[in-house]
N, C-alpha and C. Protein backbone atom coordinates (compact mmCIF):
# COMPACT_ATOMS: atom_id res chain seq x y z
N MET A 1 -12.22 -59.79 112.72
CA MET A 1 -12.63 -60.78 111.49
C MET A 1 -14.07 -59.63 111.08
N VAL A 2 -14.04 -59.03 110.10
CA VAL A 2 -15.35 -58.70 109.41
C VAL A 2 -16.85 -59.44 109.51
N ASN A 3 -17.81 -59.38 110.38
CA ASN A 3 -18.84 -60.34 109.61
C ASN A 3 -19.70 -59.60 108.82
N ILE A 4 -19.80 -60.39 107.94
CA ILE A 4 -20.86 -60.07 106.41
C ILE A 4 -21.81 -60.49 106.37
N ALA A 5 -22.91 -60.01 105.50
CA ALA A 5 -24.37 -60.56 105.35
C ALA A 5 -24.51 -60.08 104.02
N VAL A 6 -24.72 -61.12 103.09
CA VAL A 6 -25.27 -60.89 101.66
C VAL A 6 -26.45 -61.09 101.55
N LEU A 7 -27.12 -60.32 100.79
CA LEU A 7 -28.75 -59.56 100.51
C LEU A 7 -28.39 -59.97 98.61
N ALA A 8 -29.19 -60.91 98.45
CA ALA A 8 -29.70 -61.18 97.23
C ALA A 8 -31.36 -61.82 97.04
N SER A 9 -31.35 -61.64 95.59
CA SER A 9 -32.65 -62.13 95.20
C SER A 9 -32.94 -63.28 94.15
N GLY A 10 -31.91 -63.68 93.80
CA GLY A 10 -32.00 -64.59 92.34
C GLY A 10 -31.00 -66.01 92.73
N ARG A 11 -30.11 -65.89 91.57
CA ARG A 11 -29.27 -66.93 91.41
C ARG A 11 -28.58 -67.29 92.42
N GLY A 12 -27.47 -66.06 92.60
CA GLY A 12 -26.86 -65.97 93.82
C GLY A 12 -24.98 -66.08 93.06
N THR A 13 -25.15 -65.95 91.75
CA THR A 13 -23.27 -66.28 91.26
C THR A 13 -22.28 -65.55 92.10
N ASN A 14 -22.78 -64.15 92.70
CA ASN A 14 -21.73 -63.13 92.99
C ASN A 14 -21.28 -63.80 94.51
N PHE A 15 -23.06 -64.32 95.20
CA PHE A 15 -22.79 -64.81 96.68
C PHE A 15 -21.80 -66.26 96.70
N GLU A 16 -21.72 -67.03 95.58
CA GLU A 16 -20.77 -68.19 95.41
C GLU A 16 -19.36 -67.80 95.54
N ALA A 17 -19.31 -66.35 94.35
CA ALA A 17 -18.02 -66.03 94.05
C ALA A 17 -17.32 -65.58 95.86
N ILE A 18 -18.14 -64.84 96.11
CA ILE A 18 -17.69 -64.18 97.23
C ILE A 18 -17.24 -65.53 98.62
N ALA A 19 -18.18 -66.01 98.59
CA ALA A 19 -17.93 -67.39 99.54
C ALA A 19 -17.10 -68.37 99.04
N LYS A 20 -16.21 -68.61 98.17
CA LYS A 20 -15.21 -69.02 97.54
C LYS A 20 -14.34 -68.20 98.06
N ALA A 21 -14.30 -67.00 97.89
CA ALA A 21 -13.22 -66.77 97.98
C ALA A 21 -12.89 -66.51 99.47
N VAL A 22 -14.12 -66.45 100.56
CA VAL A 22 -13.55 -66.79 101.91
C VAL A 22 -13.11 -68.05 102.16
N LYS A 23 -14.10 -68.94 101.74
CA LYS A 23 -13.43 -70.20 102.00
C LYS A 23 -11.57 -70.92 101.80
N THR A 24 -11.68 -70.14 100.43
CA THR A 24 -9.92 -70.64 99.77
C THR A 24 -8.85 -69.75 100.80
N GLY A 25 -9.55 -68.63 101.28
CA GLY A 25 -8.78 -68.12 101.82
C GLY A 25 -8.24 -66.59 101.10
N LYS A 26 -8.68 -66.15 99.76
CA LYS A 26 -8.43 -64.86 99.32
C LYS A 26 -8.68 -63.93 100.29
N ILE A 27 -10.18 -64.18 100.73
CA ILE A 27 -10.48 -63.05 101.92
C ILE A 27 -10.71 -63.70 103.37
N LYS A 28 -9.35 -63.22 104.12
CA LYS A 28 -9.09 -64.03 105.19
C LYS A 28 -9.67 -63.35 106.36
N LYS A 29 -9.88 -61.97 106.35
CA LYS A 29 -10.34 -61.20 107.42
C LYS A 29 -11.68 -61.14 107.61
N ALA A 30 -13.08 -62.06 106.66
CA ALA A 30 -14.35 -61.76 106.99
C ALA A 30 -14.75 -63.03 106.97
N LYS A 31 -15.85 -62.96 107.32
CA LYS A 31 -16.50 -64.26 107.40
C LYS A 31 -17.69 -63.54 107.12
N ILE A 32 -18.36 -64.48 106.20
CA ILE A 32 -20.21 -64.72 105.66
C ILE A 32 -21.18 -65.03 107.10
N ARG A 33 -21.62 -64.37 107.60
CA ARG A 33 -22.50 -64.58 108.93
C ARG A 33 -24.05 -65.41 108.29
N LEU A 34 -24.30 -64.78 107.16
CA LEU A 34 -25.55 -65.36 106.47
C LEU A 34 -25.77 -64.43 105.25
N LEU A 35 -26.74 -65.34 104.60
CA LEU A 35 -27.63 -65.01 103.42
C LEU A 35 -28.75 -64.39 103.67
N ILE A 36 -29.04 -63.22 103.24
CA ILE A 36 -30.77 -62.79 103.52
C ILE A 36 -31.42 -62.67 102.08
N THR A 37 -32.55 -63.18 101.72
CA THR A 37 -33.17 -63.05 100.24
C THR A 37 -34.46 -62.66 100.59
N ASP A 38 -35.04 -62.18 99.55
CA ASP A 38 -36.44 -61.61 99.74
C ASP A 38 -37.51 -62.43 98.48
N LYS A 39 -36.52 -63.61 98.07
CA LYS A 39 -37.96 -64.51 97.28
C LYS A 39 -37.50 -66.00 97.74
N LYS A 40 -38.44 -66.58 98.17
CA LYS A 40 -38.28 -67.83 98.81
C LYS A 40 -37.83 -68.83 98.10
N ASP A 41 -38.09 -68.67 96.42
CA ASP A 41 -37.40 -70.00 95.56
C ASP A 41 -36.05 -69.32 94.82
N ALA A 42 -35.32 -68.15 95.65
CA ALA A 42 -33.85 -67.82 95.15
C ALA A 42 -32.96 -69.08 95.34
N PHE A 43 -32.08 -69.38 93.90
CA PHE A 43 -31.50 -70.11 93.90
C PHE A 43 -29.90 -70.11 94.95
N ALA A 44 -29.78 -68.50 95.39
CA ALA A 44 -29.16 -68.06 96.07
C ALA A 44 -29.03 -68.96 97.56
N ARG A 45 -30.30 -69.44 97.79
CA ARG A 45 -30.82 -70.22 98.95
C ARG A 45 -30.01 -71.52 99.39
N ILE A 46 -30.08 -71.99 97.83
CA ILE A 46 -29.46 -73.58 97.31
C ILE A 46 -27.69 -73.48 97.58
N ARG A 47 -27.16 -72.45 97.25
CA ARG A 47 -25.73 -72.17 97.19
C ARG A 47 -25.35 -71.93 98.45
N ALA A 48 -26.35 -71.21 99.26
CA ALA A 48 -26.03 -71.16 101.17
C ALA A 48 -25.66 -72.54 101.60
N LYS A 49 -26.57 -73.46 101.38
CA LYS A 49 -26.47 -74.47 102.14
C LYS A 49 -25.24 -75.46 101.62
N LYS A 50 -24.81 -75.83 100.57
CA LYS A 50 -23.70 -76.17 99.73
C LYS A 50 -22.60 -75.47 100.92
N PHE A 51 -22.60 -73.90 100.69
CA PHE A 51 -21.54 -73.41 101.93
C PHE A 51 -21.98 -73.41 103.49
N LYS A 52 -22.52 -73.99 103.74
CA LYS A 52 -23.24 -74.25 105.31
C LYS A 52 -23.14 -72.77 105.92
N ILE A 53 -23.96 -71.92 104.98
CA ILE A 53 -24.03 -70.56 105.51
C ILE A 53 -25.46 -70.42 105.71
N GLU A 54 -26.04 -69.61 106.80
CA GLU A 54 -27.25 -69.82 107.21
C GLU A 54 -28.11 -69.07 106.15
N ASP A 55 -29.12 -68.81 105.88
CA ASP A 55 -30.07 -68.44 105.02
C ASP A 55 -31.48 -68.02 105.52
N ILE A 56 -31.71 -66.81 105.32
CA ILE A 56 -32.93 -66.57 106.01
C ILE A 56 -33.77 -65.56 104.90
N PHE A 57 -35.00 -66.15 104.62
CA PHE A 57 -36.26 -65.48 103.77
C PHE A 57 -37.05 -64.72 104.53
N ILE A 58 -37.04 -63.36 104.00
CA ILE A 58 -37.97 -62.24 104.68
C ILE A 58 -38.84 -62.04 103.27
N ASN A 59 -40.03 -62.54 103.72
CA ASN A 59 -41.08 -62.62 102.81
C ASN A 59 -41.88 -60.78 102.84
N PRO A 60 -41.62 -59.93 101.89
CA PRO A 60 -42.07 -58.34 101.66
C PRO A 60 -43.65 -58.25 101.79
N LYS A 61 -44.05 -59.53 101.59
CA LYS A 61 -45.73 -59.45 101.68
C LYS A 61 -46.05 -59.33 103.23
N GLU A 62 -45.27 -59.61 103.86
CA GLU A 62 -45.81 -59.64 105.07
C GLU A 62 -45.87 -58.34 106.01
N PHE A 63 -45.44 -57.44 105.24
CA PHE A 63 -44.96 -56.31 105.66
C PHE A 63 -45.62 -55.10 104.80
N LYS A 64 -46.38 -53.91 105.77
CA LYS A 64 -47.23 -53.34 104.96
C LYS A 64 -46.46 -51.92 104.25
N THR A 65 -45.22 -51.80 105.21
CA THR A 65 -44.49 -50.64 104.15
C THR A 65 -43.29 -51.16 103.89
N ARG A 66 -42.55 -50.40 103.28
CA ARG A 66 -41.12 -50.84 102.82
C ARG A 66 -39.92 -50.65 104.08
N GLU A 67 -40.59 -49.65 104.91
CA GLU A 67 -39.81 -49.30 106.28
C GLU A 67 -40.04 -50.35 107.30
N ASP A 68 -40.93 -50.93 106.92
CA ASP A 68 -41.24 -52.25 107.88
C ASP A 68 -40.60 -53.31 107.85
N PHE A 69 -40.37 -53.53 106.35
CA PHE A 69 -39.69 -54.66 106.06
C PHE A 69 -38.28 -54.79 106.57
N GLU A 70 -37.63 -53.28 106.01
CA GLU A 70 -36.32 -52.72 106.24
C GLU A 70 -35.74 -52.82 107.78
N LYS A 71 -36.75 -52.46 108.79
CA LYS A 71 -36.70 -52.48 110.18
C LYS A 71 -36.31 -54.02 110.69
N LYS A 72 -37.32 -54.84 109.80
CA LYS A 72 -36.91 -56.39 109.96
C LYS A 72 -35.61 -56.59 109.63
N LEU A 73 -35.05 -56.31 108.60
CA LEU A 73 -33.97 -56.52 108.22
C LEU A 73 -32.91 -55.96 108.89
N ILE A 74 -32.68 -55.03 109.39
CA ILE A 74 -32.06 -54.10 110.26
C ILE A 74 -31.76 -54.93 111.83
N ARG A 75 -32.89 -55.51 112.26
CA ARG A 75 -32.78 -56.03 113.45
C ARG A 75 -32.15 -57.16 113.45
N ILE A 76 -32.33 -57.91 112.07
CA ILE A 76 -31.52 -59.38 111.61
C ILE A 76 -30.26 -59.12 111.76
N LEU A 77 -29.74 -58.23 111.12
CA LEU A 77 -28.50 -57.58 110.94
C LEU A 77 -27.48 -57.11 112.41
N ALA A 78 -28.45 -56.45 113.32
CA ALA A 78 -27.64 -56.10 114.59
C ALA A 78 -27.67 -57.31 115.19
N ASN A 79 -28.74 -57.99 115.22
CA ASN A 79 -28.71 -59.37 115.78
C ASN A 79 -27.38 -60.12 115.76
N GLU A 80 -26.96 -60.28 114.50
CA GLU A 80 -25.72 -61.03 113.66
C GLU A 80 -24.44 -60.00 113.91
N LYS A 81 -24.45 -59.21 114.44
CA LYS A 81 -23.34 -58.36 114.44
C LYS A 81 -22.24 -57.74 113.03
N ILE A 82 -23.55 -57.57 112.07
CA ILE A 82 -23.42 -57.42 110.87
C ILE A 82 -22.28 -55.73 110.15
N GLU A 83 -21.02 -55.87 109.83
CA GLU A 83 -20.22 -54.64 109.69
C GLU A 83 -20.33 -54.72 108.58
N LEU A 84 -20.43 -55.72 107.71
CA LEU A 84 -20.45 -54.93 106.03
C LEU A 84 -21.49 -55.84 105.37
N VAL A 85 -22.44 -55.31 104.77
CA VAL A 85 -23.77 -55.88 103.53
C VAL A 85 -23.73 -55.34 102.60
N VAL A 86 -23.36 -56.66 101.62
CA VAL A 86 -23.07 -56.89 100.33
C VAL A 86 -24.33 -57.34 99.21
N LEU A 87 -24.69 -56.07 98.52
CA LEU A 87 -25.88 -56.24 97.53
C LEU A 87 -25.58 -57.31 96.85
N ALA A 88 -25.73 -58.15 96.29
CA ALA A 88 -25.55 -59.43 95.18
C ALA A 88 -26.69 -59.75 94.31
N GLY A 89 -27.37 -59.15 93.69
CA GLY A 89 -27.99 -59.18 92.80
C GLY A 89 -29.52 -58.75 93.61
N PHE A 90 -29.77 -57.82 94.59
CA PHE A 90 -30.72 -57.82 95.75
C PHE A 90 -31.72 -56.73 94.77
N MET A 91 -32.92 -57.20 94.25
CA MET A 91 -33.50 -56.42 93.36
C MET A 91 -34.71 -55.69 94.52
N ARG A 92 -34.37 -55.02 95.50
CA ARG A 92 -35.18 -54.29 96.11
C ARG A 92 -34.22 -52.97 96.34
N ILE A 93 -34.89 -51.53 95.93
CA ILE A 93 -34.00 -50.30 96.05
C ILE A 93 -34.55 -49.90 97.70
N LEU A 94 -33.01 -50.00 98.15
CA LEU A 94 -33.21 -49.34 99.66
C LEU A 94 -33.26 -48.24 100.12
N SER A 95 -33.98 -47.84 101.38
CA SER A 95 -34.44 -46.53 101.48
C SER A 95 -33.48 -45.88 102.28
N SER A 96 -33.59 -44.32 102.44
CA SER A 96 -32.95 -43.48 102.90
C SER A 96 -32.35 -44.29 104.44
N TYR A 97 -33.36 -44.61 105.14
CA TYR A 97 -33.55 -45.12 106.65
C TYR A 97 -32.54 -46.44 106.55
N PHE A 98 -32.23 -47.12 105.49
CA PHE A 98 -31.38 -48.15 105.46
C PHE A 98 -30.20 -47.60 105.24
N VAL A 99 -30.03 -46.94 104.35
CA VAL A 99 -28.74 -46.32 103.92
C VAL A 99 -27.77 -45.91 104.90
N LYS A 100 -28.62 -44.81 105.76
CA LYS A 100 -28.05 -44.13 106.99
C LYS A 100 -27.41 -45.01 107.79
N LYS A 101 -28.24 -46.13 108.28
CA LYS A 101 -27.72 -47.26 109.13
C LYS A 101 -26.35 -47.86 108.88
N PHE A 102 -26.19 -47.68 107.88
CA PHE A 102 -24.99 -48.68 107.17
C PHE A 102 -24.45 -47.73 106.39
N LYS A 103 -24.40 -46.30 106.87
CA LYS A 103 -23.56 -45.52 105.99
C LYS A 103 -21.93 -46.22 105.85
N ASN A 104 -21.32 -46.59 104.49
CA ASN A 104 -20.28 -46.40 104.10
C ASN A 104 -19.77 -47.99 104.64
N ARG A 105 -20.88 -49.20 104.95
CA ARG A 105 -20.87 -50.22 105.49
C ARG A 105 -21.79 -51.59 104.19
N ALA A 106 -21.74 -50.45 103.10
CA ALA A 106 -23.07 -51.55 102.26
C ALA A 106 -22.68 -51.01 100.91
N LEU A 107 -21.98 -52.45 100.01
CA LEU A 107 -21.26 -52.13 98.84
C LEU A 107 -22.48 -52.64 97.47
N ASN A 108 -22.35 -52.72 96.81
CA ASN A 108 -23.28 -52.96 95.48
C ASN A 108 -22.41 -53.29 94.39
N ILE A 109 -22.80 -53.79 93.45
CA ILE A 109 -21.88 -54.34 92.26
C ILE A 109 -22.97 -53.63 90.74
N HIS A 110 -22.30 -53.62 90.08
CA HIS A 110 -22.92 -53.00 89.21
C HIS A 110 -22.73 -53.28 87.52
N PRO A 111 -23.00 -53.76 86.92
CA PRO A 111 -22.28 -54.59 85.76
C PRO A 111 -22.03 -53.43 84.35
N ALA A 112 -21.55 -52.30 84.85
CA ALA A 112 -21.31 -51.12 83.57
C ALA A 112 -20.31 -50.20 84.45
N LEU A 113 -19.40 -49.40 83.59
CA LEU A 113 -18.95 -48.37 84.23
C LEU A 113 -19.82 -47.61 84.40
N LEU A 114 -20.12 -47.02 85.96
CA LEU A 114 -20.94 -46.33 86.29
C LEU A 114 -19.81 -44.79 86.10
N PRO A 115 -20.33 -43.84 86.07
CA PRO A 115 -21.88 -43.34 85.87
C PRO A 115 -22.83 -43.67 84.66
N VAL A 116 -22.44 -44.31 83.52
CA VAL A 116 -23.50 -44.52 82.97
C VAL A 116 -24.32 -46.14 82.87
N PHE A 117 -24.68 -46.07 82.00
CA PHE A 117 -25.95 -47.32 82.18
C PHE A 117 -26.31 -47.60 83.67
N LYS A 118 -27.03 -46.81 84.20
CA LYS A 118 -27.67 -47.29 85.68
C LYS A 118 -28.74 -47.99 85.36
N GLY A 119 -29.06 -48.51 86.60
CA GLY A 119 -30.67 -49.50 86.58
C GLY A 119 -30.20 -50.76 86.33
N THR A 120 -31.24 -51.28 85.92
CA THR A 120 -31.70 -52.34 85.21
C THR A 120 -30.80 -53.12 83.62
N LYS A 121 -30.63 -53.96 83.47
CA LYS A 121 -30.21 -54.39 82.17
C LYS A 121 -29.09 -53.74 81.36
N ALA A 122 -28.16 -53.47 82.63
CA ALA A 122 -27.09 -52.40 81.79
C ALA A 122 -26.12 -52.60 80.57
N ILE A 123 -26.22 -54.32 81.08
CA ILE A 123 -25.24 -55.03 79.96
C ILE A 123 -25.65 -54.98 78.62
N GLU A 124 -27.15 -55.09 78.53
CA GLU A 124 -27.69 -55.17 77.16
C GLU A 124 -28.07 -53.74 76.69
N SER A 125 -27.80 -52.52 77.37
CA SER A 125 -28.27 -51.06 77.25
C SER A 125 -26.93 -50.38 76.57
N ALA A 126 -25.54 -51.28 77.37
CA ALA A 126 -24.33 -51.04 76.78
C ALA A 126 -23.94 -51.41 75.52
N TYR A 127 -24.35 -52.63 75.18
CA TYR A 127 -24.24 -53.33 74.26
C TYR A 127 -25.05 -52.88 72.78
N CYS A 128 -26.56 -52.78 73.26
CA CYS A 128 -27.40 -51.93 71.75
C CYS A 128 -26.93 -50.44 71.64
N TYR A 129 -26.23 -49.71 72.46
CA TYR A 129 -25.67 -48.52 72.54
C TYR A 129 -24.91 -48.54 71.49
N GLY A 130 -23.80 -49.75 71.41
CA GLY A 130 -22.69 -49.55 70.74
C GLY A 130 -21.13 -49.49 71.27
N VAL A 131 -21.40 -49.68 72.56
CA VAL A 131 -20.14 -48.96 73.03
C VAL A 131 -19.05 -49.92 72.96
N LYS A 132 -17.74 -49.30 72.59
CA LYS A 132 -16.62 -50.32 72.38
C LYS A 132 -15.86 -50.54 73.51
N VAL A 133 -16.27 -50.04 74.79
CA VAL A 133 -15.77 -50.65 76.08
C VAL A 133 -17.02 -50.31 77.20
N THR A 134 -17.00 -51.47 78.09
CA THR A 134 -17.92 -51.46 79.18
C THR A 134 -17.17 -52.24 80.09
N GLY A 135 -17.62 -52.74 81.56
CA GLY A 135 -17.08 -53.19 82.62
C GLY A 135 -18.00 -53.41 83.98
N VAL A 136 -17.19 -53.35 84.96
CA VAL A 136 -17.83 -53.52 86.24
C VAL A 136 -17.33 -52.56 87.27
N THR A 137 -18.48 -52.41 88.15
CA THR A 137 -18.02 -51.02 89.08
C THR A 137 -18.44 -51.78 90.44
N VAL A 138 -17.62 -51.68 91.41
CA VAL A 138 -18.27 -51.85 93.01
C VAL A 138 -18.11 -50.47 93.93
N HIS A 139 -19.25 -50.26 94.42
CA HIS A 139 -19.37 -48.88 94.96
C HIS A 139 -20.64 -49.02 96.22
N PHE A 140 -20.08 -47.94 97.08
CA PHE A 140 -20.94 -48.11 98.34
C PHE A 140 -22.27 -47.55 97.78
N ILE A 141 -23.50 -47.89 98.56
CA ILE A 141 -24.61 -47.65 98.21
C ILE A 141 -24.47 -45.69 98.91
N ASP A 142 -25.58 -45.21 98.62
CA ASP A 142 -25.91 -43.82 99.07
C ASP A 142 -27.18 -44.01 98.87
N GLU A 143 -27.94 -42.60 99.02
CA GLU A 143 -29.42 -42.47 98.61
C GLU A 143 -30.44 -42.82 97.33
N LYS A 144 -29.40 -42.53 96.35
CA LYS A 144 -29.57 -42.61 94.94
C LYS A 144 -29.34 -43.84 94.33
N VAL A 145 -30.03 -44.18 93.31
CA VAL A 145 -29.76 -45.80 92.48
C VAL A 145 -28.13 -45.89 91.67
N ASP A 146 -27.32 -46.62 92.08
CA ASP A 146 -26.21 -46.69 91.31
C ASP A 146 -25.28 -45.24 91.44
N HIS A 147 -25.30 -45.06 92.29
CA HIS A 147 -24.62 -43.54 93.01
C HIS A 147 -23.32 -43.60 93.24
N GLY A 148 -23.21 -44.14 94.70
CA GLY A 148 -22.57 -44.00 95.65
C GLY A 148 -21.23 -44.21 95.42
N PRO A 149 -20.19 -43.46 96.34
CA PRO A 149 -18.72 -43.85 95.91
C PRO A 149 -18.11 -44.67 95.41
N ILE A 150 -17.13 -44.69 94.42
CA ILE A 150 -17.02 -45.69 93.51
C ILE A 150 -15.63 -46.41 93.99
N VAL A 151 -15.63 -48.09 94.52
CA VAL A 151 -14.45 -48.67 95.21
C VAL A 151 -13.41 -48.96 94.23
N LEU A 152 -13.64 -49.85 93.40
CA LEU A 152 -13.32 -50.43 92.36
C LEU A 152 -13.87 -50.31 90.84
N GLN A 153 -13.47 -50.43 89.62
CA GLN A 153 -13.70 -50.01 88.32
C GLN A 153 -12.72 -50.75 87.48
N GLU A 154 -13.73 -51.59 86.39
CA GLU A 154 -12.34 -52.67 85.45
C GLU A 154 -13.37 -52.25 84.36
N SER A 155 -12.36 -52.13 83.21
CA SER A 155 -13.29 -52.13 81.85
C SER A 155 -12.98 -53.54 81.39
N LEU A 156 -13.76 -53.58 80.34
CA LEU A 156 -13.79 -54.70 79.23
C LEU A 156 -14.24 -54.53 77.78
N LYS A 157 -13.24 -54.56 76.84
CA LYS A 157 -13.82 -54.32 75.63
C LYS A 157 -14.64 -54.91 75.24
N ILE A 158 -15.65 -54.86 74.29
CA ILE A 158 -16.45 -55.45 73.46
C ILE A 158 -15.83 -56.20 72.13
N LYS A 159 -15.92 -57.26 71.98
CA LYS A 159 -15.25 -57.86 70.76
C LYS A 159 -15.96 -57.53 69.34
N ASP A 160 -15.71 -57.29 68.50
CA ASP A 160 -16.35 -57.21 66.96
C ASP A 160 -17.21 -58.48 67.15
N GLY A 161 -17.97 -58.71 66.81
CA GLY A 161 -19.11 -59.72 66.40
C GLY A 161 -19.76 -60.47 67.63
N GLU A 162 -19.11 -60.30 68.70
CA GLU A 162 -19.68 -60.42 69.83
C GLU A 162 -20.73 -60.80 70.00
N SER A 163 -21.75 -61.81 70.93
CA SER A 163 -23.09 -61.93 70.93
C SER A 163 -23.39 -61.05 72.50
N LEU A 164 -24.71 -60.90 72.32
CA LEU A 164 -24.46 -60.12 74.11
C LEU A 164 -24.60 -61.26 74.66
N ALA A 165 -25.28 -62.65 74.84
CA ALA A 165 -25.00 -63.45 75.72
C ALA A 165 -23.39 -64.06 76.09
N GLU A 166 -22.64 -63.51 75.00
CA GLU A 166 -21.23 -63.81 75.45
C GLU A 166 -20.26 -62.54 76.01
N LEU A 167 -20.81 -61.69 75.89
CA LEU A 167 -20.92 -60.35 76.66
C LEU A 167 -21.36 -60.44 78.20
N GLU A 168 -22.40 -60.88 77.99
CA GLU A 168 -23.00 -61.33 79.58
C GLU A 168 -22.11 -61.96 80.58
N GLU A 169 -21.73 -62.74 79.79
CA GLU A 169 -20.48 -64.00 80.66
C GLU A 169 -19.30 -63.55 80.98
N ARG A 170 -18.84 -62.82 80.16
CA ARG A 170 -17.56 -62.19 80.24
C ARG A 170 -17.58 -61.10 81.39
N VAL A 171 -18.81 -60.14 81.43
CA VAL A 171 -19.08 -59.55 82.32
C VAL A 171 -19.13 -60.20 83.93
N HIS A 172 -20.10 -61.23 83.73
CA HIS A 172 -20.28 -61.89 85.16
C HIS A 172 -18.71 -62.52 85.62
N SER A 173 -18.17 -62.83 84.74
CA SER A 173 -16.91 -63.45 85.35
C SER A 173 -15.77 -62.32 85.93
N LEU A 174 -16.17 -61.16 85.54
CA LEU A 174 -15.25 -59.98 85.81
C LEU A 174 -15.93 -59.76 87.43
N GLU A 175 -17.20 -59.60 87.48
CA GLU A 175 -17.87 -59.23 88.75
C GLU A 175 -17.52 -60.55 89.61
N HIS A 176 -17.18 -61.68 89.27
CA HIS A 176 -17.17 -62.23 90.47
C HIS A 176 -15.44 -62.55 91.04
N LYS A 177 -14.70 -61.63 89.99
CA LYS A 177 -13.20 -61.44 90.28
C LYS A 177 -13.06 -60.22 91.23
N LEU A 178 -13.76 -59.03 90.48
CA LEU A 178 -13.71 -57.77 91.37
C LEU A 178 -14.39 -57.75 92.74
N TYR A 179 -15.44 -58.67 92.89
CA TYR A 179 -16.65 -58.12 94.05
C TYR A 179 -15.40 -59.03 95.16
N PRO A 180 -14.97 -59.82 95.33
CA PRO A 180 -14.43 -60.47 96.14
C PRO A 180 -12.68 -59.57 96.61
N GLU A 181 -12.45 -59.17 95.55
CA GLU A 181 -11.45 -57.95 95.52
C GLU A 181 -11.97 -56.57 96.50
N ALA A 182 -12.79 -56.38 95.99
CA ALA A 182 -13.47 -54.92 96.98
C ALA A 182 -13.79 -55.54 98.17
N ILE A 183 -14.24 -56.37 98.36
CA ILE A 183 -14.54 -57.04 100.18
C ILE A 183 -13.32 -57.18 100.66
N LYS A 184 -12.38 -57.40 100.29
CA LYS A 184 -10.73 -58.39 100.55
C LYS A 184 -10.41 -56.69 101.37
N LEU A 185 -10.57 -55.59 100.30
CA LEU A 185 -9.71 -54.44 100.63
C LEU A 185 -10.75 -53.80 102.07
N PHE A 186 -12.00 -54.29 101.80
CA PHE A 186 -12.81 -53.31 103.08
C PHE A 186 -12.61 -54.06 104.47
N ALA A 187 -12.36 -55.46 104.55
CA ALA A 187 -12.23 -56.59 105.94
C ALA A 187 -10.78 -55.78 106.24
N GLU A 188 -9.74 -55.59 105.20
CA GLU A 188 -8.41 -55.38 105.62
C GLU A 188 -8.12 -53.65 106.11
N GLY A 189 -9.21 -53.11 105.95
CA GLY A 189 -9.26 -51.57 106.35
C GLY A 189 -8.36 -50.83 105.50
N LYS A 190 -8.47 -50.96 104.11
CA LYS A 190 -7.50 -50.63 103.26
C LYS A 190 -8.24 -49.71 102.20
N LEU A 191 -10.03 -49.00 102.73
CA LEU A 191 -10.41 -48.21 101.82
C LEU A 191 -10.86 -47.06 103.02
N LYS A 192 -10.54 -45.94 102.45
CA LYS A 192 -10.50 -44.39 103.14
C LYS A 192 -11.51 -43.50 102.22
N LEU A 193 -12.80 -42.95 102.78
CA LEU A 193 -13.39 -42.13 101.92
C LEU A 193 -13.03 -40.78 102.06
N LYS A 194 -12.91 -40.11 101.01
CA LYS A 194 -12.33 -38.35 101.07
C LYS A 194 -13.81 -38.06 99.91
N GLY A 195 -15.04 -37.50 100.60
CA GLY A 195 -16.18 -37.17 99.89
C GLY A 195 -16.57 -38.17 99.02
N ARG A 196 -16.74 -37.99 97.62
CA ARG A 196 -17.07 -39.22 96.60
C ARG A 196 -15.70 -40.02 96.02
N ARG A 197 -14.47 -39.94 96.79
CA ARG A 197 -13.45 -40.56 96.37
C ARG A 197 -12.92 -41.54 97.24
N VAL A 198 -13.01 -42.51 97.09
CA VAL A 198 -12.44 -43.81 98.05
C VAL A 198 -11.13 -44.18 97.58
N GLU A 199 -10.39 -43.48 98.19
CA GLU A 199 -8.59 -43.94 98.34
C GLU A 199 -8.60 -45.71 98.99
N ILE A 200 -7.54 -46.28 98.01
CA ILE A 200 -7.04 -47.50 98.66
C ILE A 200 -6.00 -47.61 98.96
N LEU A 201 -5.38 -47.60 100.76
CA LEU A 201 -4.56 -47.62 101.33
C LEU A 201 -3.32 -48.38 101.03
């Protein structure tokens, strides 16, 4: 059984999708041990209570440096014997110090087909650019933003006359499908890294 910690800062819709997949048995070989947030009022914390998952709030303002914050985070993860860290709307850039500690054991999801439209407001950027196809990427994290080896990608055609709000809803729905799939593959030991390539066994 793979112990998972989810890191979130906001609404926690991806967190809930993952928690549902674990509860319903879609993800059989993993357990969410805890949710960690960096915002006291993150709605993800309310979702954690619904699923009876422990939630921990770490206040970044209590630490002098980012590294001090991350050392606290790593201590908690070590105490809970966490084997996979899942970033689900965690709005902090993690340092190389953290990345090295969880190399190939930390996943992120991005609402675009990487390597294009990195960073925040990816859905809006793709929409305003006028692309015909966008999508979702699940990847391992590395030292650069939205850069690590890609685990899964799925595309989505942008419909003629579709509003940004409608596109956002469809992208988020795709995220809620793809992220549990990627976690399931990790938990079942079906991901093999060869350089930047992630092979599915």
